[in-house]
Amino acid sequence: MVIGLGIDMIEVERIAAKINKNSGFREMLFSREEIAYCEQKTNKFEHYAARFAAKEAFFKALGTGWSEGTSFSEVEVTNTENGKPQLSFSGNTANIINAMELSNILVSLTHLKSVASAVVIIEK
């Protein structure tokens, strides 16, 4: 049963400007693995923006926002061997997600030169 649906869209330039201007912004929001993944891409800011949108969409689907002890930096977008995006969790956010006994979290990413978007569906 679907218990949450979230969508987010962000301008790629907003993420690029934040990363280029604010020292530590990238490390505050993204894991080392996410940074390594994005940095190897030709259009890296599109990939950062898509991951940012996925995290925002996840919190919208969860219905808590960043409250209830969850943290933006504890949500990570990874990829399966086939390239399918998925979410993984660490720290207190992982504890909260595990306690909720969710059965499935689906994520879809898309990005263009100027905009990135993500959709998250949470099932229980």
C-alpha atoms as a PDB file:
ATOM      1  CA  MET A   1       0.000   0.000   0.000  1.00  0.00           C
ATOM      2  CA  VAL A   2       1.326   3.453  -0.927  1.00  0.00           C
ATOM      3  CA  ILE A   3       1.678   5.621   2.161  1.00  0.00           C
ATOM      4  CA  GLY A   4       3.613   8.512   0.663  1.00  0.00           C
ATOM      5  CA  LEU A   5       4.343  10.253  -2.596  1.00  0.00           C
ATOM      6  CA  GLY A   6       6.787  13.106  -3.051  1.00  0.00           C
ATOM      7  CA  ILE A   7       8.021  15.119  -6.003  1.00  0.00           C
ATOM      8  CA  ASP A   8      10.598  17.864  -6.240  1.00  0.00           C
ATOM      9  CA  MET A   9      12.049  19.987  -9.014  1.00  0.00           C
ATOM     10  CA  ILE A  10      15.082  22.255  -8.793  1.00  0.00           C
ATOM     11  CA  GLU A  11      17.002  24.530 -11.115  1.00  0.00           C
ATOM     12  CA  VAL A  12      20.444  23.091 -11.807  1.00  0.00           C
ATOM     13  CA  GLU A  13      21.999  26.559 -11.658  1.00  0.00           C
ATOM     14  CA  ARG A  14      20.814  27.027  -8.046  1.00  0.00           C
ATOM     15  CA  ILE A  15      22.704  23.923  -6.956  1.00  0.00           C
ATOM     16  CA  ALA A  16      25.761  24.864  -9.038  1.00  0.00           C
ATOM     17  CA  ALA A  17      25.846  28.348  -7.505  1.00  0.00           C
ATOM     18  CA  LYS A  18      25.573  26.975  -3.951  1.00  0.00           C
ATOM     19  CA  ILE A  19      28.322  24.407  -4.512  1.00  0.00           C
ATOM     20  CA  ASN A  20      30.630  26.955  -6.181  1.00  0.00           C
ATOM     21  CA  LYS A  21      29.976  29.690  -3.600  1.00  0.00           C
ATOM     22  CA  ASN A  22      29.630  27.946  -0.242  1.00  0.00           C
ATOM     23  CA  SER A  23      32.550  25.926   1.018  1.00  0.00           C
ATOM     24  CA  GLY A  24      31.190  22.787   2.660  1.00  0.00           C
ATOM     25  CA  PHE A  25      27.723  22.959   1.088  1.00  0.00           C
ATOM     26  CA  ARG A  26      28.391  19.904  -1.065  1.00  0.00           C
ATOM     27  CA  GLU A  27      29.764  17.903   1.878  1.00  0.00           C
ATOM     28  CA  MET A  28      26.849  18.953   4.093  1.00  0.00           C
ATOM     29  CA  LEU A  29      24.233  17.563   1.689  1.00  0.00           C
ATOM     30  CA  PHE A  30      25.919  14.729  -0.174  1.00  0.00           C
ATOM     31  CA  SER A  31      27.815  11.597   0.848  1.00  0.00           C
ATOM     32  CA  ARG A  32      31.377  10.923  -0.273  1.00  0.00           C
ATOM     33  CA  GLU A  33      30.009   8.344  -2.715  1.00  0.00           C
ATOM     34  CA  GLU A  34      27.481  10.794  -4.166  1.00  0.00           C
ATOM     35  CA  ILE A  35      30.199  13.428  -4.576  1.00  0.00           C
ATOM     36  CA  ALA A  36      32.538  10.936  -6.284  1.00  0.00           C
ATOM     37  CA  TYR A  37      29.719   9.854  -8.614  1.00  0.00           C
ATOM     38  CA  CYS A  38      28.723  13.400  -9.578  1.00  0.00           C
ATOM     39  CA  GLU A  39      32.275  14.695  -9.950  1.00  0.00           C
ATOM     40  CA  GLN A  40      33.073  12.107 -12.620  1.00  0.00           C
ATOM     41  CA  LYS A  41      30.162  13.236 -14.792  1.00  0.00           C
ATOM     42  CA  THR A  42      30.521  15.757 -17.620  1.00  0.00           C
ATOM     43  CA  ASN A  43      27.461  17.693 -16.453  1.00  0.00           C
ATOM     44  CA  LYS A  44      28.029  17.128 -12.743  1.00  0.00           C
ATOM     45  CA  PHE A  45      25.650  19.807 -11.481  1.00  0.00           C
ATOM     46  CA  GLU A  46      22.712  18.090 -13.189  1.00  0.00           C
ATOM     47  CA  HIS A  47      23.518  14.961 -11.178  1.00  0.00           C
ATOM     48  CA  TYR A  48      23.911  16.884  -7.924  1.00  0.00           C
ATOM     49  CA  ALA A  49      20.578  18.606  -8.564  1.00  0.00           C
ATOM     50  CA  ALA A  50      18.798  15.317  -9.281  1.00  0.00           C
ATOM     51  CA  ARG A  51      20.108  13.864  -6.012  1.00  0.00           C
ATOM     52  CA  PHE A  52      19.063  16.977  -4.117  1.00  0.00           C
ATOM     53  CA  ALA A  53      15.574  16.691  -5.634  1.00  0.00           C
ATOM     54  CA  ALA A  54      15.392  13.010  -4.628  1.00  0.00           C
ATOM     55  CA  LYS A  55      16.158  13.851  -1.007  1.00  0.00           C
ATOM     56  CA  GLU A  56      13.545  16.618  -0.976  1.00  0.00           C
ATOM     57  CA  ALA A  57      10.988  14.305  -2.603  1.00  0.00           C
ATOM     58  CA  PHE A  58      11.747  11.617  -0.040  1.00  0.00           C
ATOM     59  CA  PHE A  59      11.049  13.926   2.892  1.00  0.00           C
ATOM     60  CA  LYS A  60       7.839  15.090   1.230  1.00  0.00           C
ATOM     61  CA  ALA A  61       6.746  11.477   0.749  1.00  0.00           C
ATOM     62  CA  LEU A  62       7.663  10.669   4.338  1.00  0.00           C
ATOM     63  CA  GLY A  63       5.473  13.526   5.482  1.00  0.00           C
ATOM     64  CA  THR A  64       7.874  14.753   8.161  1.00  0.00           C
ATOM     65  CA  GLY A  65      10.124  17.143   6.319  1.00  0.00           C
ATOM     66  CA  TRP A  66      13.494  17.327   8.038  1.00  0.00           C
ATOM     67  CA  SER A  67      11.939  17.012  11.482  1.00  0.00           C
ATOM     68  CA  GLU A  68      11.480  13.981  13.713  1.00  0.00           C
ATOM     69  CA  GLY A  69      15.252  13.411  13.939  1.00  0.00           C
ATOM     70  CA  THR A  70      15.858  12.797  10.245  1.00  0.00           C
ATOM     71  CA  SER A  71      18.739  14.413   8.392  1.00  0.00           C
ATOM     72  CA  PHE A  72      19.279  15.395   4.773  1.00  0.00           C
ATOM     73  CA  SER A  73      22.865  14.125   4.881  1.00  0.00           C
ATOM     74  CA  GLU A  74      21.715  10.681   6.068  1.00  0.00           C
ATOM     75  CA  VAL A  75      19.751  10.033   2.865  1.00  0.00           C
ATOM     76  CA  GLU A  76      21.916   8.811  -0.014  1.00  0.00           C
ATOM     77  CA  VAL A  77      21.091   8.196  -3.658  1.00  0.00           C
ATOM     78  CA  THR A  78      22.933   5.145  -4.956  1.00  0.00           C
ATOM     79  CA  ASN A  79      22.541   3.072  -8.092  1.00  0.00           C
ATOM     80  CA  THR A  80      22.014  -0.636  -8.619  1.00  0.00           C
ATOM     81  CA  GLU A  81      24.343  -2.528 -10.946  1.00  0.00           C
ATOM     82  CA  ASN A  82      21.887  -1.748 -13.754  1.00  0.00           C
ATOM     83  CA  GLY A  83      21.981   1.978 -12.991  1.00  0.00           C
ATOM     84  CA  LYS A  84      18.565   2.159 -11.307  1.00  0.00           C
ATOM     85  CA  PRO A  85      18.561   4.829  -8.587  1.00  0.00           C
ATOM     86  CA  GLN A  86      17.707   3.832  -5.046  1.00  0.00           C
ATOM     87  CA  LEU A  87      17.775   5.434  -1.615  1.00  0.00           C
ATOM     88  CA  SER A  88      19.847   4.244   1.303  1.00  0.00           C
ATOM     89  CA  PHE A  89      19.915   5.608   4.823  1.00  0.00           C
ATOM     90  CA  SER A  90      22.370   5.998   7.674  1.00  0.00           C
ATOM     91  CA  GLY A  91      22.447   7.271  11.233  1.00  0.00           C
ATOM     92  CA  ASN A  92      19.271   8.271  13.035  1.00  0.00           C
ATOM     93  CA  THR A  93      17.393   8.528   9.736  1.00  0.00           C
ATOM     94  CA  ALA A  94      18.055   4.819   9.128  1.00  0.00           C
ATOM     95  CA  ASN A  95      16.776   4.010  12.628  1.00  0.00           C
ATOM     96  CA  ILE A  96      13.576   5.973  12.020  1.00  0.00           C
ATOM     97  CA  ILE A  97      13.003   4.388   8.597  1.00  0.00           C
ATOM     98  CA  ASN A  98      13.607   0.880   9.979  1.00  0.00           C
ATOM     99  CA  ALA A  99      11.163   1.491  12.852  1.00  0.00           C
ATOM    100  CA  MET A 100       8.478   2.511  10.346  1.00  0.00           C
ATOM    101  CA  GLU A 101       8.698  -0.972   8.767  1.00  0.00           C
ATOM    102  CA  LEU A 102       8.430   0.331   5.221  1.00  0.00           C
ATOM    103  CA  SER A 103       8.343  -2.356   2.567  1.00  0.00           C
ATOM    104  CA  ASN A 104       9.623  -0.421  -0.435  1.00  0.00           C
ATOM    105  CA  ILE A 105      10.905   3.010  -1.392  1.00  0.00           C
ATOM    106  CA  LEU A 106      10.947   3.798  -5.108  1.00  0.00           C
ATOM    107  CA  VAL A 107      12.795   6.737  -6.628  1.00  0.00           C
ATOM    108  CA  SER A 108      12.982   8.116 -10.145  1.00  0.00           C
ATOM    109  CA  LEU A 109      15.350  10.883 -11.253  1.00  0.00           C
ATOM    110  CA  THR A 110      15.423  13.038 -14.345  1.00  0.00           C
ATOM    111  CA  HIS A 111      17.471  16.028 -15.382  1.00  0.00           C
ATOM    112  CA  LEU A 112      18.054  18.407 -18.240  1.00  0.00           C
ATOM    113  CA  LYS A 113      20.620  21.136 -18.644  1.00  0.00           C
ATOM    114  CA  SER A 114      18.592  23.604 -16.572  1.00  0.00           C
ATOM    115  CA  VAL A 115      16.303  21.558 -14.311  1.00  0.00           C
ATOM    116  CA  ALA A 116      16.309  18.316 -12.323  1.00  0.00           C
ATOM    117  CA  SER A 117      13.401  16.444 -10.795  1.00  0.00           C
ATOM    118  CA  ALA A 118      12.694  13.380  -8.698  1.00  0.00           C
ATOM    119  CA  VAL A 119       9.691  11.353  -7.600  1.00  0.00           C
ATOM    120  CA  VAL A 120       9.632   9.105  -4.520  1.00  0.00           C
ATOM    121  CA  ILE A 121       6.957   6.571  -3.628  1.00  0.00           C
ATOM    122  CA  ILE A 122       6.919   4.941  -0.188  1.00  0.00           C
ATOM    123  CA  GLU A 123       5.080   1.660   0.343  1.00  0.00           C
ATOM    124  CA  LYS A 124       4.203  -0.193   3.524  1.00  0.00           C
END
